[in-house]
């Protein structure tokens, strides 16, 4: 856990000075012997803890998803985790959105789970792939009807004149598919899976000496791998990073 900021609130022009805001972390050290043998088991344990009411995290499945275009220009946004297993982390989106276009051109990305109230972060780096249509279809069917219509309404990331564009489009689609008519899966909408090549577990420590333990996939034959270039099907190593 972390302690309240101990210094006076410095202000410039009536606004708190970001450089003056400090919080000391008093967490128990994160050591290698306490880690699970696999990243997915370790993530499952931390995620379960973040979901507990006493953790004080309103949306533990919220994660920052960073992508880059074919020229390396990055962008990031907060999205919601919809599933995870040993294959990776799943989210859903409009494939014509900015992130959808970027991963089509440059199929790599990074996730950050910012569990500040617990003085923890999980940072994922890996390749990004589309889910099979059948998996996207199954998830789409589980969504509330309004969310299904919303997927059709919004051409995500495109410029629109006003909110009226959305409300008018929604009314049009409600007439096209009145209840209980099933709403089809949009051909431009579905799931993405971030397939990890590294998963880092960060825990805040006193005096900014944080604990950073990373699971990294390496080629089973050579032992070589990088944050964004490990070979699929390789083995995993656990290593400590300097804070």
Protein backbone atom coordinates (compact mmCIF):
# COMPACT_ATOMS: atom_id res chain seq x y z
CA UNK A 1 0.00 0.00 0.00
CA UNK A 2 1.03 3.63 -0.18
CA UNK A 3 1.08 6.42 2.37
CA UNK A 4 -0.56 9.83 1.87
CA UNK A 5 1.57 12.53 0.29
CA UNK A 6 3.58 14.02 3.13
CA UNK A 7 4.56 17.39 1.65
CA UNK A 8 2.50 20.59 1.52
CA UNK A 9 0.45 21.09 -1.61
CA UNK A 10 2.51 23.48 -3.74
CA UNK A 11 0.52 25.54 -6.21
CA UNK A 12 1.33 27.57 -9.27
CA UNK A 13 -1.40 29.86 -10.57
CA UNK A 14 -3.84 28.08 -8.27
CA UNK A 15 -3.07 24.63 -9.74
CA UNK A 16 -1.27 21.88 -7.75
CA UNK A 17 2.34 21.54 -8.84
CA UNK A 18 2.77 18.03 -10.33
CA UNK A 19 6.42 17.91 -9.27
CA UNK A 20 5.44 18.47 -5.66
CA UNK A 21 3.00 15.58 -5.49
CA UNK A 22 4.78 12.56 -4.05
CA UNK A 23 3.51 9.38 -2.48
CA UNK A 24 5.69 6.93 -0.60
CA UNK A 25 4.98 3.24 -1.18
CA UNK A 26 5.07 0.97 1.84
CA UNK A 27 4.30 -2.36 0.20
CA UNK A 28 5.86 -5.63 1.25
CA UNK A 29 8.75 -6.36 -1.15
CA UNK A 30 7.94 -8.47 -4.21
CA UNK A 31 10.52 -11.25 -4.38
CA UNK A 32 11.11 -14.01 -6.86
CA UNK A 33 10.26 -16.87 -4.51
CA UNK A 34 6.74 -15.49 -4.08
CA UNK A 35 5.94 -15.46 -7.80
CA UNK A 36 3.78 -18.07 -9.49
CA UNK A 37 5.54 -20.33 -11.96
CA UNK A 38 3.72 -18.77 -14.94
CA UNK A 39 2.78 -15.22 -15.80
CA UNK A 40 -0.88 -16.17 -16.26
CA UNK A 41 -1.11 -17.61 -12.73
CA UNK A 42 0.63 -14.56 -11.30
CA UNK A 43 -1.71 -12.23 -13.21
CA UNK A 44 -4.72 -14.22 -12.06
CA UNK A 45 -3.68 -13.79 -8.43
CA UNK A 46 -3.06 -10.05 -8.74
CA UNK A 47 -6.24 -9.51 -10.76
CA UNK A 48 -8.30 -11.37 -8.16
CA UNK A 49 -6.83 -9.10 -5.49
CA UNK A 50 -7.62 -5.98 -7.53
CA UNK A 51 -11.25 -7.13 -7.84
CA UNK A 52 -11.77 -7.21 -4.06
CA UNK A 53 -13.84 -4.26 -2.76
CA UNK A 54 -11.20 -3.41 -0.16
CA UNK A 55 -8.66 -2.85 -2.95
CA UNK A 56 -10.49 0.36 -3.85
CA UNK A 57 -10.14 -0.09 -7.61
CA UNK A 58 -13.43 0.79 -9.37
CA UNK A 59 -12.64 -0.93 -12.69
CA UNK A 60 -9.84 -3.47 -12.25
CA UNK A 61 -10.34 -4.66 -15.83
CA UNK A 62 -9.52 -1.20 -17.22
CA UNK A 63 -6.19 -1.21 -19.06
CA UNK A 64 -4.22 1.24 -21.18
CA UNK A 65 -3.71 -0.14 -24.70
CA UNK A 66 -0.87 1.42 -26.68
CA UNK A 67 -0.37 0.87 -30.39
CA UNK A 68 1.65 2.52 -33.18
CA UNK A 69 1.08 3.06 -36.87
CA UNK A 70 3.29 1.84 -39.69
CA UNK A 71 5.59 4.85 -39.16
CA UNK A 72 5.97 4.21 -35.43
CA UNK A 73 3.73 7.09 -34.31
CA UNK A 74 2.09 5.92 -31.07
CA UNK A 75 -1.32 6.36 -29.54
CA UNK A 76 -2.88 5.04 -26.35
CA UNK A 77 -6.34 4.73 -24.82
CA UNK A 78 -8.10 3.02 -21.94
CA UNK A 79 -10.06 -0.11 -22.88
CA UNK A 80 -11.61 -2.99 -20.93
CA UNK A 81 -10.17 -6.47 -20.56
CA UNK A 82 -12.75 -9.06 -21.60
CA UNK A 83 -10.81 -12.24 -20.99
CA UNK A 84 -7.37 -13.72 -20.45
CA UNK A 85 -5.67 -17.10 -20.46
CA UNK A 86 -2.27 -18.49 -21.38
CA UNK A 87 -2.80 -17.29 -24.97
CA UNK A 88 -3.05 -13.65 -23.94
CA UNK A 89 -5.39 -10.75 -23.15
CA UNK A 90 -8.63 -10.10 -25.06
CA UNK A 91 -10.43 -6.87 -25.87
CA UNK A 92 -13.07 -5.93 -28.42
CA UNK A 93 -13.18 -2.98 -30.78
CA UNK A 94 -14.19 -1.55 -34.13
CA UNK A 95 -11.56 -2.77 -36.61
CA UNK A 96 -11.79 0.53 -38.52
CA UNK A 97 -10.96 2.56 -35.39
CA UNK A 98 -7.53 4.13 -34.94
CA UNK A 99 -6.28 1.21 -32.84
CA UNK A 100 -7.81 -1.27 -35.28
CA UNK A 101 -6.06 0.33 -38.23
CA UNK A 102 -2.78 0.59 -36.34
CA UNK A 103 -2.62 -3.06 -35.31
CA UNK A 104 -3.48 -4.05 -38.89
CA UNK A 105 -0.45 -2.07 -40.10
CA UNK A 106 1.86 -2.77 -37.13
CA UNK A 107 0.66 -5.83 -35.17
CA UNK A 108 2.34 -5.10 -31.85
CA UNK A 109 1.05 -3.39 -28.74
CA UNK A 110 1.41 -2.86 -25.02
CA UNK A 111 -1.02 -3.01 -22.10
CA UNK A 112 -0.76 -1.38 -18.69
CA UNK A 113 -3.04 -2.25 -15.76
CA UNK A 114 -2.69 0.82 -13.46
CA UNK A 115 -3.78 -0.48 -10.07
CA UNK A 116 -2.61 2.67 -8.24
CA UNK A 117 -4.55 2.04 -5.02
CA UNK A 118 -2.55 -1.16 -4.54
CA UNK A 119 0.76 0.41 -5.65
CA UNK A 120 0.86 -2.13 -8.47
CA UNK A 121 1.07 -2.17 -12.24
CA UNK A 122 1.17 -4.96 -14.80
CA UNK A 123 2.87 -4.11 -18.11
CA UNK A 124 2.42 -6.39 -21.13
CA UNK A 125 4.27 -6.23 -24.45
CA UNK A 126 3.47 -8.51 -27.37
CA UNK A 127 1.98 -9.13 -30.76
CA UNK A 128 -1.67 -8.44 -31.54
CA UNK A 129 -3.96 -10.74 -33.50
CA UNK A 130 -7.64 -10.81 -34.40
CA UNK A 131 -9.88 -13.36 -32.75
CA UNK A 132 -11.68 -15.89 -34.95
CA UNK A 133 -15.09 -14.63 -36.06
CA UNK A 134 -16.86 -17.36 -34.08
CA UNK A 135 -15.34 -16.06 -30.82
CA UNK A 136 -16.29 -12.47 -31.63
CA UNK A 137 -19.80 -13.62 -32.52
CA UNK A 138 -20.21 -15.46 -29.22
CA UNK A 139 -19.10 -12.42 -27.22
CA UNK A 140 -21.27 -10.06 -29.27
CA UNK A 141 -24.32 -12.20 -28.47
CA UNK A 142 -23.56 -11.84 -24.74
CA UNK A 143 -23.64 -8.03 -24.86
CA UNK A 144 -26.73 -6.01 -23.89
CA UNK A 145 -28.90 -5.10 -26.85
CA UNK A 146 -28.00 -1.42 -26.52
CA UNK A 147 -24.29 -2.22 -26.71
CA UNK A 148 -24.90 -4.36 -29.79
CA UNK A 149 -26.64 -1.44 -31.48
CA UNK A 150 -23.88 0.89 -30.32
CA UNK A 151 -21.29 -1.20 -32.16
CA UNK A 152 -23.20 -0.54 -35.39
CA UNK A 153 -23.89 3.13 -34.64
CA UNK A 154 -20.33 4.37 -34.07
CA UNK A 155 -17.74 4.48 -36.82
CA UNK A 156 -15.18 4.75 -34.06
CA UNK A 157 -12.46 7.42 -34.38
CA UNK A 158 -14.08 9.06 -37.43
CA UNK A 159 -14.96 12.76 -37.36
CA UNK A 160 -18.68 13.53 -36.90
CA UNK A 161 -20.55 16.82 -36.99
CA UNK A 162 -22.42 16.45 -33.71
CA UNK A 163 -23.90 13.96 -31.27
CA UNK A 164 -27.09 14.10 -33.33
CA UNK A 165 -25.33 11.93 -35.91
CA UNK A 166 -25.21 9.14 -33.33
CA UNK A 167 -28.77 9.52 -32.02
CA UNK A 168 -30.21 9.61 -35.54
CA UNK A 169 -28.24 6.54 -36.57
CA UNK A 170 -29.38 4.72 -33.42
CA UNK A 171 -33.03 5.50 -34.18
CA UNK A 172 -32.56 4.23 -37.73
CA UNK A 173 -31.07 0.95 -36.54
CA UNK A 174 -33.77 0.45 -33.91
CA UNK A 175 -36.31 0.64 -36.74
CA UNK A 176 -34.28 -1.79 -38.85
CA UNK A 177 -33.94 -4.34 -36.04
CA UNK A 178 -36.96 -3.93 -33.72
CA UNK A 179 -37.09 -6.22 -30.70
CA UNK A 180 -36.85 -9.20 -30.65
CA UNK A 181 -35.08 -9.22 -34.04
CA UNK A 182 -31.48 -10.46 -33.55
CA UNK A 183 -28.80 -7.89 -34.28
CA UNK A 184 -26.02 -9.31 -36.48
CA UNK A 185 -22.34 -9.02 -35.72
CA UNK A 186 -20.92 -6.01 -37.58
CA UNK A 187 -18.34 -7.15 -40.16
CA UNK A 188 -16.03 -4.36 -38.95
CA UNK A 189 -16.18 -5.27 -35.24
CA UNK A 190 -14.59 -8.01 -33.16
CA UNK A 191 -11.91 -9.15 -30.79
CA UNK A 192 -8.19 -8.58 -30.52
CA UNK A 193 -5.77 -10.68 -28.51
CA UNK A 194 -2.49 -9.29 -27.17
CA UNK A 195 -0.14 -12.29 -27.18
CA UNK A 196 2.51 -11.59 -24.51
CA UNK A 197 6.21 -11.68 -25.16
CA UNK A 198 6.84 -10.11 -21.76
CA UNK A 199 4.68 -9.52 -18.69
CA UNK A 200 6.10 -7.29 -15.97
CA UNK A 201 4.76 -7.11 -12.42
CA UNK A 202 5.60 -3.75 -10.83
CA UNK A 203 5.13 -3.05 -7.15
CA UNK A 204 5.92 0.26 -5.51
CA UNK A 205 8.66 0.36 -2.87
CA UNK A 206 10.03 2.97 -0.43
CA UNK A 207 12.46 5.61 -1.69
CA UNK A 208 11.46 4.80 -5.29
CA UNK A 209 13.24 1.42 -5.05
CA UNK A 210 10.33 -0.38 -6.65
CA UNK A 211 10.18 -4.10 -7.40
CA UNK A 212 9.96 -5.04 -11.08
CA UNK A 213 9.81 -8.73 -11.94
CA UNK A 214 9.33 -9.72 -15.55
CA UNK A 215 8.36 -12.95 -17.27
CA UNK A 216 9.98 -12.92 -20.72
CA UNK A 217 9.58 -15.45 -23.51
CA UNK A 218 12.78 -16.66 -25.14
CA UNK A 219 13.60 -19.03 -27.95
CA UNK A 220 13.86 -22.50 -26.46
CA UNK A 221 16.88 -23.35 -28.60
CA UNK A 222 18.98 -20.21 -28.28
CA UNK A 223 17.76 -18.59 -25.09
CA UNK A 224 17.53 -15.34 -27.04
CA UNK A 225 14.55 -13.02 -26.95
CA UNK A 226 13.61 -9.38 -26.59
CA UNK A 227 10.67 -7.43 -25.25
CA UNK A 228 9.07 -7.36 -28.69
CA UNK A 229 10.82 -10.10 -30.60
CA UNK A 230 10.65 -13.37 -28.68
CA UNK A 231 9.86 -16.47 -30.67
CA UNK A 232 6.42 -18.02 -30.41
CA UNK A 233 6.39 -21.29 -28.52
CA UNK A 234 9.55 -20.47 -26.57
CA UNK A 235 10.24 -20.86 -22.90
CA UNK A 236 9.82 -18.23 -20.21
CA UNK A 237 12.43 -16.73 -17.91
CA UNK A 238 11.88 -14.55 -14.86
CA UNK A 239 14.18 -11.58 -14.39
CA UNK A 240 14.41 -8.58 -12.10
CA UNK A 241 14.60 -5.08 -13.60
CA UNK A 242 16.15 -2.05 -11.95
CA UNK A 243 13.47 0.40 -10.79
